[in-house]
Amino acid sequence: MPAKRKKAAKASQYSDIRYAVKNQVAWVTINRPRVLNAFREQTLDQMIAALKSTREDPSIVCAVVTGAGDKAFSAGGDFYAMKRLNWVNAYMWNDRMQGLAMTIRGLPIPVIAMVNGWCMGGGHELALWCDLVIASENAVLGQTGATVGACPTVGATQYLPRIIGERLAREMIFCARRFTAKEAAAIGLINKCVPQQDLLAETRKWCETMKGLSAQTLRMTKKNLNFESDLLYASWQHGMELLAHVWGSEESLEGMNAFLEGRKPDFQKFRLRGKRELAEYVDGCRQDLNAPPSMRKKRK
């Protein structure tokens, strides 16, 4: 099959993304604007495949990951997909997330996140996995796990403390704090904030800059720059096992359903239920219910 036809056939396999190589730059675009470029299993699989295919062309200088339209880079995981998860099948999702992260970090070329609009939750973790992040002034970055009963343990808990410091990282995660692109640039969460109309041109400028640099140097220095954070692999595994117990839980379903229904989640009921259950446990100890029936103290 001729090279052009082969490339066209490969591109046609993608339902959730657009993939193209132009001027030695690989462009991977999440193409689900109706759901703010939220990703599902197919999206993750296709992004992994597209990015891995860059290894077949040593002339590719760098890759750019972005989202279709001007409303969102990515809002994170698609709740219609995530609501189907539970402890039994969690690895089907978690492994894909880590697989995409390791693909991005393992490529011998720099990967740029071009962020436009919402960059939230898992979408923000996607940006964290990339080597460089450039955002438009309309971008908003945040970790929303605490608002929907999920856990940002696939990159955020590992990388945020190293990028913006422990205190801000905890605030971003515990309080679901959001940052505008200007704020994100000021604290080092992203590399640069530009006017929305200049985002594409500025990203291309970065790509052109790297085109004139040594591919060997970029490959080796990326690997070496990743050395310390590569040692966090154990933390990733730990985080994903915790996440496996989150999927399908009552709290996570309450959070996702509330989001989809456009209402505030009622997480307080889980705290109050926990309080009642603990009170019953403590009272049972007082009543000697933690002993076999034949050994319990007789009530007066």
C-alpha atoms as a PDB file:
ATOM      1  CA  MET A   1       0.000   0.000   0.000  1.00  0.00           C
ATOM      2  CA  PRO A   2       1.423   3.457  -0.896  1.00  0.00           C
ATOM      3  CA  ALA A   3       2.585   5.535   2.072  1.00  0.00           C
ATOM      4  CA  LYS A   4      -0.133   8.187   1.622  1.00  0.00           C
ATOM      5  CA  ARG A   5      -2.906   5.580   1.491  1.00  0.00           C
ATOM      6  CA  LYS A   6      -1.422   3.792   4.489  1.00  0.00           C
ATOM      7  CA  LYS A   7      -1.436   7.018   6.528  1.00  0.00           C
ATOM      8  CA  ALA A   8      -5.026   7.740   5.477  1.00  0.00           C
ATOM      9  CA  ALA A   9      -6.105   4.240   6.472  1.00  0.00           C
ATOM     10  CA  LYS A  10      -4.441   4.594   9.862  1.00  0.00           C
ATOM     11  CA  ALA A  11      -6.076   7.974  10.508  1.00  0.00           C
ATOM     12  CA  SER A  12      -9.506   6.579   9.614  1.00  0.00           C
ATOM     13  CA  GLN A  13      -9.237   4.109  12.490  1.00  0.00           C
ATOM     14  CA  TYR A  14      -9.622   6.936  14.993  1.00  0.00           C
ATOM     15  CA  SER A  15     -13.158   7.794  16.101  1.00  0.00           C
ATOM     16  CA  ASP A  16     -12.376   9.931  19.147  1.00  0.00           C
ATOM     17  CA  ILE A  17      -9.272  11.813  18.067  1.00  0.00           C
ATOM     18  CA  ARG A  18      -7.734  13.492  15.058  1.00  0.00           C
ATOM     19  CA  TYR A  19      -4.139  12.677  14.223  1.00  0.00           C
ATOM     20  CA  ALA A  20      -1.897  14.324  11.686  1.00  0.00           C
ATOM     21  CA  VAL A  21       1.783  14.925  11.090  1.00  0.00           C
ATOM     22  CA  LYS A  22       2.452  18.363   9.625  1.00  0.00           C
ATOM     23  CA  ASN A  23       5.855  19.974   9.130  1.00  0.00           C
ATOM     24  CA  GLN A  24       7.495  17.287  11.273  1.00  0.00           C
ATOM     25  CA  VAL A  25       5.083  17.859  14.178  1.00  0.00           C
ATOM     26  CA  ALA A  26       2.577  15.223  15.323  1.00  0.00           C
ATOM     27  CA  TRP A  27      -0.787  16.719  16.266  1.00  0.00           C
ATOM     28  CA  VAL A  28      -3.095  14.678  18.508  1.00  0.00           C
ATOM     29  CA  THR A  29      -6.482  16.313  19.038  1.00  0.00           C
ATOM     30  CA  ILE A  30      -9.191  14.928  21.302  1.00  0.00           C
ATOM     31  CA  ASN A  31     -12.218  15.269  19.058  1.00  0.00           C
ATOM     32  CA  ARG A  32     -15.159  15.099  21.459  1.00  0.00           C
ATOM     33  CA  PRO A  33     -16.163  18.764  21.796  1.00  0.00           C
ATOM     34  CA  ARG A  34     -19.799  17.886  22.633  1.00  0.00           C
ATOM     35  CA  VAL A  35     -18.574  16.565  25.994  1.00  0.00           C
ATOM     36  CA  LEU A  36     -15.806  19.165  26.415  1.00  0.00           C
ATOM     37  CA  ASN A  37     -13.292  16.636  25.082  1.00  0.00           C
ATOM     38  CA  ALA A  38     -13.829  14.313  28.009  1.00  0.00           C
ATOM     39  CA  PHE A  39     -12.188  10.989  27.290  1.00  0.00           C
ATOM     40  CA  ARG A  40     -13.448   7.412  27.439  1.00  0.00           C
ATOM     41  CA  GLU A  41     -11.647   4.100  26.966  1.00  0.00           C
ATOM     42  CA  GLN A  42     -11.546   4.399  23.169  1.00  0.00           C
ATOM     43  CA  THR A  43     -10.111   7.908  23.416  1.00  0.00           C
ATOM     44  CA  LEU A  44      -7.270   6.750  25.643  1.00  0.00           C
ATOM     45  CA  ASP A  45      -6.514   3.757  23.412  1.00  0.00           C
ATOM     46  CA  GLN A  46      -6.412   5.926  20.316  1.00  0.00           C
ATOM     47  CA  MET A  47      -4.195   8.574  21.895  1.00  0.00           C
ATOM     48  CA  ILE A  48      -1.741   5.890  22.970  1.00  0.00           C
ATOM     49  CA  ALA A  49      -1.704   4.387  19.476  1.00  0.00           C
ATOM     50  CA  ALA A  50      -1.272   7.743  17.752  1.00  0.00           C
ATOM     51  CA  LEU A  51       1.535   8.907  20.020  1.00  0.00           C
ATOM     52  CA  LYS A  52       3.347   5.563  19.819  1.00  0.00           C
ATOM     53  CA  SER A  53       3.202   5.753  16.032  1.00  0.00           C
ATOM     54  CA  THR A  54       5.533   8.767  16.155  1.00  0.00           C
ATOM     55  CA  ARG A  55       8.346   6.301  16.864  1.00  0.00           C
ATOM     56  CA  GLU A  56       7.961   5.050  13.292  1.00  0.00           C
ATOM     57  CA  ASP A  57       9.127   8.406  11.928  1.00  0.00           C
ATOM     58  CA  PRO A  58      12.431   9.694  13.357  1.00  0.00           C
ATOM     59  CA  SER A  59      11.953  12.973  11.478  1.00  0.00           C
ATOM     60  CA  ILE A  60       9.118  13.988  13.836  1.00  0.00           C
ATOM     61  CA  VAL A  61      10.444  16.745  16.084  1.00  0.00           C
ATOM     62  CA  CYS A  62       7.752  16.904  18.747  1.00  0.00           C
ATOM     63  CA  ALA A  63       4.106  16.137  19.445  1.00  0.00           C
ATOM     64  CA  VAL A  64       1.267  18.471  20.396  1.00  0.00           C
ATOM     65  CA  VAL A  65      -1.742  17.288  22.393  1.00  0.00           C
ATOM     66  CA  THR A  66      -4.846  19.478  22.352  1.00  0.00           C
ATOM     67  CA  GLY A  67      -8.633  19.456  22.303  1.00  0.00           C
ATOM     68  CA  ALA A  68     -11.062  20.273  19.510  1.00  0.00           C
ATOM     69  CA  GLY A  69     -12.875  23.609  19.617  1.00  0.00           C
ATOM     70  CA  ASP A  70     -12.221  26.576  21.866  1.00  0.00           C
ATOM     71  CA  LYS A  71     -14.153  25.554  24.987  1.00  0.00           C
ATOM     72  CA  ALA A  72     -11.977  22.817  26.425  1.00  0.00           C
ATOM     73  CA  PHE A  73      -8.608  21.118  26.275  1.00  0.00           C
ATOM     74  CA  SER A  74     -10.243  18.275  28.198  1.00  0.00           C
ATOM     75  CA  ALA A  75     -12.734  18.136  31.042  1.00  0.00           C
ATOM     76  CA  GLY A  76     -11.224  14.801  32.128  1.00  0.00           C
ATOM     77  CA  GLY A  77     -12.863  11.406  32.180  1.00  0.00           C
ATOM     78  CA  ASP A  78     -16.305  11.015  30.629  1.00  0.00           C
ATOM     79  CA  PHE A  79     -18.644  10.233  33.521  1.00  0.00           C
ATOM     80  CA  TYR A  80     -20.823   8.040  31.329  1.00  0.00           C
ATOM     81  CA  ALA A  81     -17.775   5.811  30.980  1.00  0.00           C
ATOM     82  CA  MET A  82     -16.547   6.176  34.549  1.00  0.00           C
ATOM     83  CA  LYS A  83     -19.926   5.367  36.123  1.00  0.00           C
ATOM     84  CA  ARG A  84     -19.526   1.855  34.711  1.00  0.00           C
ATOM     85  CA  LEU A  85     -16.343   1.267  36.687  1.00  0.00           C
ATOM     86  CA  ASN A  86     -16.026  -0.730  39.889  1.00  0.00           C
ATOM     87  CA  TRP A  87     -13.335  -2.514  41.874  1.00  0.00           C
ATOM     88  CA  VAL A  88     -13.464  -5.548  39.566  1.00  0.00           C
ATOM     89  CA  ASN A  89     -12.977  -3.733  36.251  1.00  0.00           C
ATOM     90  CA  ALA A  90     -11.081  -0.662  37.526  1.00  0.00           C
ATOM     91  CA  TYR A  91      -7.799  -1.778  35.984  1.00  0.00           C
ATOM     92  CA  MET A  92      -9.389  -1.530  32.533  1.00  0.00           C
ATOM     93  CA  TRP A  93      -9.538   2.243  33.031  1.00  0.00           C
ATOM     94  CA  ASN A  94      -6.599   2.833  35.341  1.00  0.00           C
ATOM     95  CA  ASP A  95      -4.150   0.920  33.159  1.00  0.00           C
ATOM     96  CA  ARG A  96      -5.186   2.982  30.156  1.00  0.00           C
ATOM     97  CA  MET A  97      -4.632   6.223  32.054  1.00  0.00           C
ATOM     98  CA  GLN A  98      -1.198   5.138  33.204  1.00  0.00           C
ATOM     99  CA  GLY A  99      -0.490   3.724  29.759  1.00  0.00           C
ATOM    100  CA  LEU A 100      -1.087   7.116  28.148  1.00  0.00           C
ATOM    101  CA  ALA A 101       1.009   8.847  30.793  1.00  0.00           C
ATOM    102  CA  MET A 102       3.915   6.450  30.289  1.00  0.00           C
ATOM    103  CA  THR A 103       3.604   6.738  26.513  1.00  0.00           C
ATOM    104  CA  ILE A 104       3.935  10.524  26.702  1.00  0.00           C
ATOM    105  CA  ARG A 105       6.800  10.387  29.168  1.00  0.00           C
ATOM    106  CA  GLY A 106       8.522   7.586  27.277  1.00  0.00           C
ATOM    107  CA  LEU A 107       8.536   9.208  23.840  1.00  0.00           C
ATOM    108  CA  PRO A 108      12.005  10.330  22.717  1.00  0.00           C
ATOM    109  CA  ILE A 109      10.528  13.664  21.622  1.00  0.00           C
ATOM    110  CA  PRO A 110       9.032  16.526  23.668  1.00  0.00           C
ATOM    111  CA  VAL A 111       5.246  16.573  24.024  1.00  0.00           C
ATOM    112  CA  ILE A 112       3.476  19.924  24.276  1.00  0.00           C
ATOM    113  CA  ALA A 113       0.027  20.405  25.772  1.00  0.00           C
ATOM    114  CA  MET A 114      -1.762  23.209  23.899  1.00  0.00           C
ATOM    115  CA  VAL A 115      -4.501  24.199  26.338  1.00  0.00           C
ATOM    116  CA  ASN A 116      -7.606  26.097  25.330  1.00  0.00           C
ATOM    117  CA  GLY A 117     -10.519  26.529  27.763  1.00  0.00           C
ATOM    118  CA  TRP A 118     -11.293  23.984  30.485  1.00  0.00           C
ATOM    119  CA  CYS A 119      -8.418  21.771  31.623  1.00  0.00           C
ATOM    120  CA  MET A 120      -9.868  19.928  34.572  1.00  0.00           C
ATOM    121  CA  GLY A 121      -9.479  16.719  36.547  1.00  0.00           C
ATOM    122  CA  GLY A 122      -8.025  13.954  34.392  1.00  0.00           C
ATOM    123  CA  GLY A 123      -7.655  16.491  31.600  1.00  0.00           C
ATOM    124  CA  HIS A 124      -5.333  18.471  33.816  1.00  0.00           C
ATOM    125  CA  GLU A 125      -3.408  15.320  34.662  1.00  0.00           C
ATOM    126  CA  LEU A 126      -3.004  14.815  30.914  1.00  0.00           C
ATOM    127  CA  ALA A 127      -1.375  18.251  30.732  1.00  0.00           C
ATOM    128  CA  LEU A 128       0.837  17.359  33.696  1.00  0.00           C
ATOM    129  CA  TRP A 129       2.179  14.323  31.841  1.00  0.00           C
ATOM    130  CA  CYS A 130       3.326  16.523  28.962  1.00  0.00           C
ATOM    131  CA  ASP A 131       6.771  18.122  28.891  1.00  0.00           C
ATOM    132  CA  LEU A 132       5.593  21.656  28.164  1.00  0.00           C
ATOM    133  CA  VAL A 133       2.271  23.449  28.562  1.00  0.00           C
ATOM    134  CA  ILE A 134       1.160  26.568  26.728  1.00  0.00           C
ATOM    135  CA  ALA A 135      -2.319  27.931  27.385  1.00  0.00           C
ATOM    136  CA  SER A 136      -4.638  30.607  26.086  1.00  0.00           C
ATOM    137  CA  GLU A 137      -5.963  33.325  28.356  1.00  0.00           C
ATOM    138  CA  ASN A 138      -9.376  31.631  28.496  1.00  0.00           C
ATOM    139  CA  ALA A 139      -7.903  28.455  29.995  1.00  0.00           C
ATOM    140  CA  VAL A 140      -8.813  27.299  33.498  1.00  0.00           C
ATOM    141  CA  LEU A 141      -6.819  24.536  35.165  1.00  0.00           C
ATOM    142  CA  GLY A 142      -7.915  22.549  38.189  1.00  0.00           C
ATOM    143  CA  GLN A 143      -8.275  19.279  40.031  1.00  0.00           C
ATOM    144  CA  THR A 144     -11.946  18.500  40.554  1.00  0.00           C
ATOM    145  CA  GLY A 145     -11.712  15.042  42.112  1.00  0.00           C
ATOM    146  CA  ALA A 146     -12.977  16.175  45.522  1.00  0.00           C
ATOM    147  CA  THR A 147     -16.092  17.710  43.939  1.00  0.00           C
ATOM    148  CA  VAL A 148     -17.133  14.497  42.193  1.00  0.00           C
ATOM    149  CA  GLY A 149     -15.878  11.774  44.527  1.00  0.00           C
ATOM    150  CA  ALA A 150     -12.828  10.777  42.464  1.00  0.00           C
ATOM    151  CA  CYS A 151      -9.099  10.798  43.278  1.00  0.00           C
ATOM    152  CA  PRO A 152      -6.379  12.518  41.203  1.00  0.00           C
ATOM    153  CA  THR A 153      -3.787   9.823  41.894  1.00  0.00           C
ATOM    154  CA  VAL A 154      -2.725   9.295  38.276  1.00  0.00           C
ATOM    155  CA  GLY A 155      -0.235  12.129  38.154  1.00  0.00           C
ATOM    156  CA  ALA A 156      -1.590  15.043  40.166  1.00  0.00           C
ATOM    157  CA  THR A 157      -0.594  13.722  43.583  1.00  0.00           C
ATOM    158  CA  GLN A 158       2.830  12.793  42.209  1.00  0.00           C
ATOM    159  CA  TYR A 159       3.713  15.822  40.070  1.00  0.00           C
ATOM    160  CA  LEU A 160       1.864  18.825  41.496  1.00  0.00           C
ATOM    161  CA  PRO A 161       3.974  19.059  44.678  1.00  0.00           C
ATOM    162  CA  ARG A 162       7.126  19.045  42.531  1.00  0.00           C
ATOM    163  CA  ILE A 163       5.822  21.639  40.088  1.00  0.00           C
ATOM    164  CA  ILE A 164       4.053  24.182  42.309  1.00  0.00           C
ATOM    165  CA  GLY A 165       5.085  23.128  45.823  1.00  0.00           C
ATOM    166  CA  GLU A 166       3.470  21.036  48.524  1.00  0.00           C
ATOM    167  CA  ARG A 167       1.183  23.721  49.970  1.00  0.00           C
ATOM    168  CA  LEU A 168      -0.354  24.871  46.709  1.00  0.00           C
ATOM    169  CA  ALA A 169      -0.676  21.273  45.540  1.00  0.00           C
ATOM    170  CA  ARG A 170      -2.659  20.361  48.638  1.00  0.00           C
ATOM    171  CA  GLU A 171      -4.830  23.445  48.229  1.00  0.00           C
ATOM    172  CA  MET A 172      -5.454  22.598  44.593  1.00  0.00           C
ATOM    173  CA  ILE A 173      -6.488  19.030  45.474  1.00  0.00           C
ATOM    174  CA  PHE A 174      -8.156  19.413  48.892  1.00  0.00           C
ATOM    175  CA  CYS A 175     -10.058  22.601  48.030  1.00  0.00           C
ATOM    176  CA  ALA A 176     -10.530  21.921  44.304  1.00  0.00           C
ATOM    177  CA  ARG A 177      -8.867  25.275  43.629  1.00  0.00           C
ATOM    178  CA  ARG A 178      -8.812  26.422  40.031  1.00  0.00           C
ATOM    179  CA  PHE A 179      -6.223  28.628  38.369  1.00  0.00           C
ATOM    180  CA  THR A 180      -6.640  30.872  35.372  1.00  0.00           C
ATOM    181  CA  ALA A 181      -3.928  30.535  32.751  1.00  0.00           C
ATOM    182  CA  LYS A 182      -2.311  33.785  33.938  1.00  0.00           C
ATOM    183  CA  GLU A 183      -2.253  32.528  37.524  1.00  0.00           C
ATOM    184  CA  ALA A 184      -0.976  29.136  36.372  1.00  0.00           C
ATOM    185  CA  ALA A 185       1.926  30.769  34.512  1.00  0.00           C
ATOM    186  CA  ALA A 186       2.780  32.888  37.566  1.00  0.00           C
ATOM    187  CA  ILE A 187       3.112  29.846  39.852  1.00  0.00           C
ATOM    188  CA  GLY A 188       4.909  27.678  37.293  1.00  0.00           C
ATOM    189  CA  LEU A 189       2.012  25.297  36.670  1.00  0.00           C
ATOM    190  CA  ILE A 190       2.297  26.038  32.939  1.00  0.00           C
ATOM    191  CA  ASN A 191       5.066  27.509  30.817  1.00  0.00           C
ATOM    192  CA  LYS A 192       3.252  30.357  29.123  1.00  0.00           C
ATOM    193  CA  CYS A 193      -0.092  32.115  28.784  1.00  0.00           C
ATOM    194  CA  VAL A 194      -0.944  33.861  25.509  1.00  0.00           C
ATOM    195  CA  PRO A 195      -4.015  35.546  23.996  1.00  0.00           C
ATOM    196  CA  GLN A 196      -6.410  32.965  22.601  1.00  0.00           C
ATOM    197  CA  GLN A 197      -5.919  34.120  19.014  1.00  0.00           C
ATOM    198  CA  ASP A 198      -2.146  33.604  19.356  1.00  0.00           C
ATOM    199  CA  LEU A 199      -2.214  30.101  20.879  1.00  0.00           C
ATOM    200  CA  LEU A 200      -1.745  28.099  17.691  1.00  0.00           C
ATOM    201  CA  ALA A 201       0.899  30.447  16.278  1.00  0.00           C
ATOM    202  CA  GLU A 202       2.875  30.445  19.530  1.00  0.00           C
ATOM    203  CA  THR A 203       2.734  26.644  19.726  1.00  0.00           C
ATOM    204  CA  ARG A 204       3.991  26.357  16.158  1.00  0.00           C
ATOM    205  CA  LYS A 205       6.779  28.769  17.057  1.00  0.00           C
ATOM    206  CA  TRP A 206       7.893  26.470  19.869  1.00  0.00           C
ATOM    207  CA  CYS A 207       7.830  23.525  17.472  1.00  0.00           C
ATOM    208  CA  GLU A 208       9.925  25.442  14.931  1.00  0.00           C
ATOM    209  CA  THR A 209      12.435  26.286  17.644  1.00  0.00           C
ATOM    210  CA  MET A 210      12.875  22.615  18.523  1.00  0.00           C
ATOM    211  CA  LYS A 211      13.177  21.738  14.844  1.00  0.00           C
ATOM    212  CA  GLY A 212      16.487  23.573  14.805  1.00  0.00           C
ATOM    213  CA  LEU A 213      17.808  21.763  17.875  1.00  0.00           C
ATOM    214  CA  SER A 214      19.589  18.442  18.319  1.00  0.00           C
ATOM    215  CA  ALA A 215      17.178  15.481  18.360  1.00  0.00           C
ATOM    216  CA  GLN A 216      19.789  13.475  20.227  1.00  0.00           C
ATOM    217  CA  THR A 217      20.033  16.098  22.941  1.00  0.00           C
ATOM    218  CA  LEU A 218      16.258  16.383  23.293  1.00  0.00           C
ATOM    219  CA  ARG A 219      15.915  12.628  23.616  1.00  0.00           C
ATOM    220  CA  MET A 220      18.666  12.162  26.172  1.00  0.00           C
ATOM    221  CA  THR A 221      17.825  15.188  28.281  1.00  0.00           C
ATOM    222  CA  LYS A 222      14.133  14.277  28.407  1.00  0.00           C
ATOM    223  CA  LYS A 223      15.040  10.849  29.720  1.00  0.00           C
ATOM    224  CA  ASN A 224      17.374  12.339  32.304  1.00  0.00           C
ATOM    225  CA  LEU A 225      14.931  15.059  33.351  1.00  0.00           C
ATOM    226  CA  ASN A 226      12.376  12.317  34.013  1.00  0.00           C
ATOM    227  CA  PHE A 227      14.756  10.288  36.167  1.00  0.00           C
ATOM    228  CA  GLU A 228      13.612  11.434  39.609  1.00  0.00           C
ATOM    229  CA  SER A 229       9.903  11.460  38.822  1.00  0.00           C
ATOM    230  CA  ASP A 230      10.214   8.054  37.115  1.00  0.00           C
ATOM    231  CA  LEU A 231      11.012   6.761  40.591  1.00  0.00           C
ATOM    232  CA  LEU A 232       7.439   7.658  41.535  1.00  0.00           C
ATOM    233  CA  TYR A 233       6.169   4.613  39.642  1.00  0.00           C
ATOM    234  CA  ALA A 234       5.449   2.856  42.943  1.00  0.00           C
ATOM    235  CA  SER A 235       3.314   5.822  43.975  1.00  0.00           C
ATOM    236  CA  TRP A 236       1.347   5.499  40.732  1.00  0.00           C
ATOM    237  CA  GLN A 237       0.657   1.829  41.456  1.00  0.00           C
ATOM    238  CA  HIS A 238      -0.400   2.625  45.008  1.00  0.00           C
ATOM    239  CA  GLY A 239      -2.617   5.465  43.801  1.00  0.00           C
ATOM    240  CA  MET A 240      -4.323   3.333  41.188  1.00  0.00           C
ATOM    241  CA  GLU A 241      -5.143   0.625  43.712  1.00  0.00           C
ATOM    242  CA  LEU A 242      -6.743   3.295  45.910  1.00  0.00           C
ATOM    243  CA  LEU A 243      -8.595   4.542  42.846  1.00  0.00           C
ATOM    244  CA  ALA A 244      -9.853   1.032  42.112  1.00  0.00           C
ATOM    245  CA  HIS A 245     -11.776   1.138  45.388  1.00  0.00           C
ATOM    246  CA  VAL A 246     -13.203   4.565  44.576  1.00  0.00           C
ATOM    247  CA  TRP A 247     -14.798   3.529  41.277  1.00  0.00           C
ATOM    248  CA  GLY A 248     -18.347   2.306  41.791  1.00  0.00           C
ATOM    249  CA  SER A 249     -18.512   3.529  45.396  1.00  0.00           C
ATOM    250  CA  GLU A 250     -21.626   5.344  46.586  1.00  0.00           C
ATOM    251  CA  GLU A 251     -19.710   8.594  46.990  1.00  0.00           C
ATOM    252  CA  SER A 252     -18.207   8.533  43.515  1.00  0.00           C
ATOM    253  CA  LEU A 253     -21.576   7.740  41.937  1.00  0.00           C
ATOM    254  CA  GLU A 254     -23.225  10.540  43.921  1.00  0.00           C
ATOM    255  CA  GLY A 255     -20.579  12.973  42.689  1.00  0.00           C
ATOM    256  CA  MET A 256     -20.806  11.951  39.043  1.00  0.00           C
ATOM    257  CA  ASN A 257     -24.604  11.749  39.008  1.00  0.00           C
ATOM    258  CA  ALA A 258     -24.853  15.179  40.620  1.00  0.00           C
ATOM    259  CA  PHE A 259     -22.582  16.637  37.951  1.00  0.00           C
ATOM    260  CA  LEU A 260     -24.574  15.063  35.138  1.00  0.00           C
ATOM    261  CA  GLU A 261     -27.868  16.209  36.703  1.00  0.00           C
ATOM    262  CA  GLY A 262     -26.625  19.759  37.244  1.00  0.00           C
ATOM    263  CA  ARG A 263     -27.001  19.733  41.035  1.00  0.00           C
ATOM    264  CA  LYS A 264     -24.731  19.949  44.049  1.00  0.00           C
ATOM    265  CA  PRO A 265     -23.556  16.573  45.353  1.00  0.00           C
ATOM    266  CA  ASP A 266     -24.655  15.565  48.839  1.00  0.00           C
ATOM    267  CA  PHE A 267     -21.451  14.217  50.326  1.00  0.00           C
ATOM    268  CA  GLN A 268     -22.536  15.228  53.828  1.00  0.00           C
ATOM    269  CA  LYS A 269     -24.855  12.236  54.087  1.00  0.00           C
ATOM    270  CA  PHE A 270     -21.856   9.902  53.928  1.00  0.00           C
ATOM    271  CA  ARG A 271     -20.138  11.726  56.799  1.00  0.00           C
ATOM    272  CA  LEU A 272     -23.310  11.608  58.902  1.00  0.00           C
ATOM    273  CA  ARG A 273     -23.858   7.936  58.108  1.00  0.00           C
ATOM    274  CA  GLY A 274     -20.278   7.255  59.153  1.00  0.00           C
ATOM    275  CA  LYS A 275     -20.902   9.099  62.412  1.00  0.00           C
ATOM    276  CA  ARG A 276     -23.988   6.965  63.118  1.00  0.00           C
ATOM    277  CA  GLU A 277     -22.158   3.750  62.309  1.00  0.00           C
ATOM    278  CA  LEU A 278     -19.234   4.679  64.558  1.00  0.00           C
ATOM    279  CA  ALA A 279     -21.622   5.556  67.401  1.00  0.00           C
ATOM    280  CA  GLU A 280     -23.280   2.138  67.026  1.00  0.00           C
ATOM    281  CA  TYR A 281     -19.880   0.461  67.137  1.00  0.00           C
ATOM    282  CA  VAL A 282     -18.765   2.331  70.279  1.00  0.00           C
ATOM    283  CA  ASP A 283     -22.108   1.668  71.958  1.00  0.00           C
ATOM    284  CA  GLY A 284     -21.776  -2.020  71.093  1.00  0.00           C
ATOM    285  CA  CYS A 285     -18.439  -2.133  72.905  1.00  0.00           C
ATOM    286  CA  ARG A 286     -20.029  -0.561  75.968  1.00  0.00           C
ATOM    287  CA  GLN A 287     -22.776  -3.198  75.855  1.00  0.00           C
ATOM    288  CA  ASP A 288     -20.220  -6.008  75.585  1.00  0.00           C
ATOM    289  CA  LEU A 289     -21.460  -6.957  72.100  1.00  0.00           C
ATOM    290  CA  ASN A 290     -17.850  -7.622  71.086  1.00  0.00           C
ATOM    291  CA  ALA A 291     -17.841 -10.827  73.162  1.00  0.00           C
ATOM    292  CA  PRO A 292     -19.513 -14.184  72.424  1.00  0.00           C
ATOM    293  CA  PRO A 293     -23.146 -14.185  73.624  1.00  0.00           C
ATOM    294  CA  SER A 294     -22.405 -16.624  76.447  1.00  0.00           C
ATOM    295  CA  MET A 295     -19.672 -14.353  77.838  1.00  0.00           C
ATOM    296  CA  ARG A 296     -21.465 -11.042  77.696  1.00  0.00           C
ATOM    297  CA  LYS A 297     -22.189  -9.155  80.855  1.00  0.00           C
ATOM    298  CA  LYS A 298     -25.741  -9.337  81.950  1.00  0.00           C
ATOM    299  CA  ARG A 299     -27.577  -6.037  81.701  1.00  0.00           C
ATOM    300  CA  LYS A 300     -29.017  -4.692  84.920  1.00  0.00           C
END
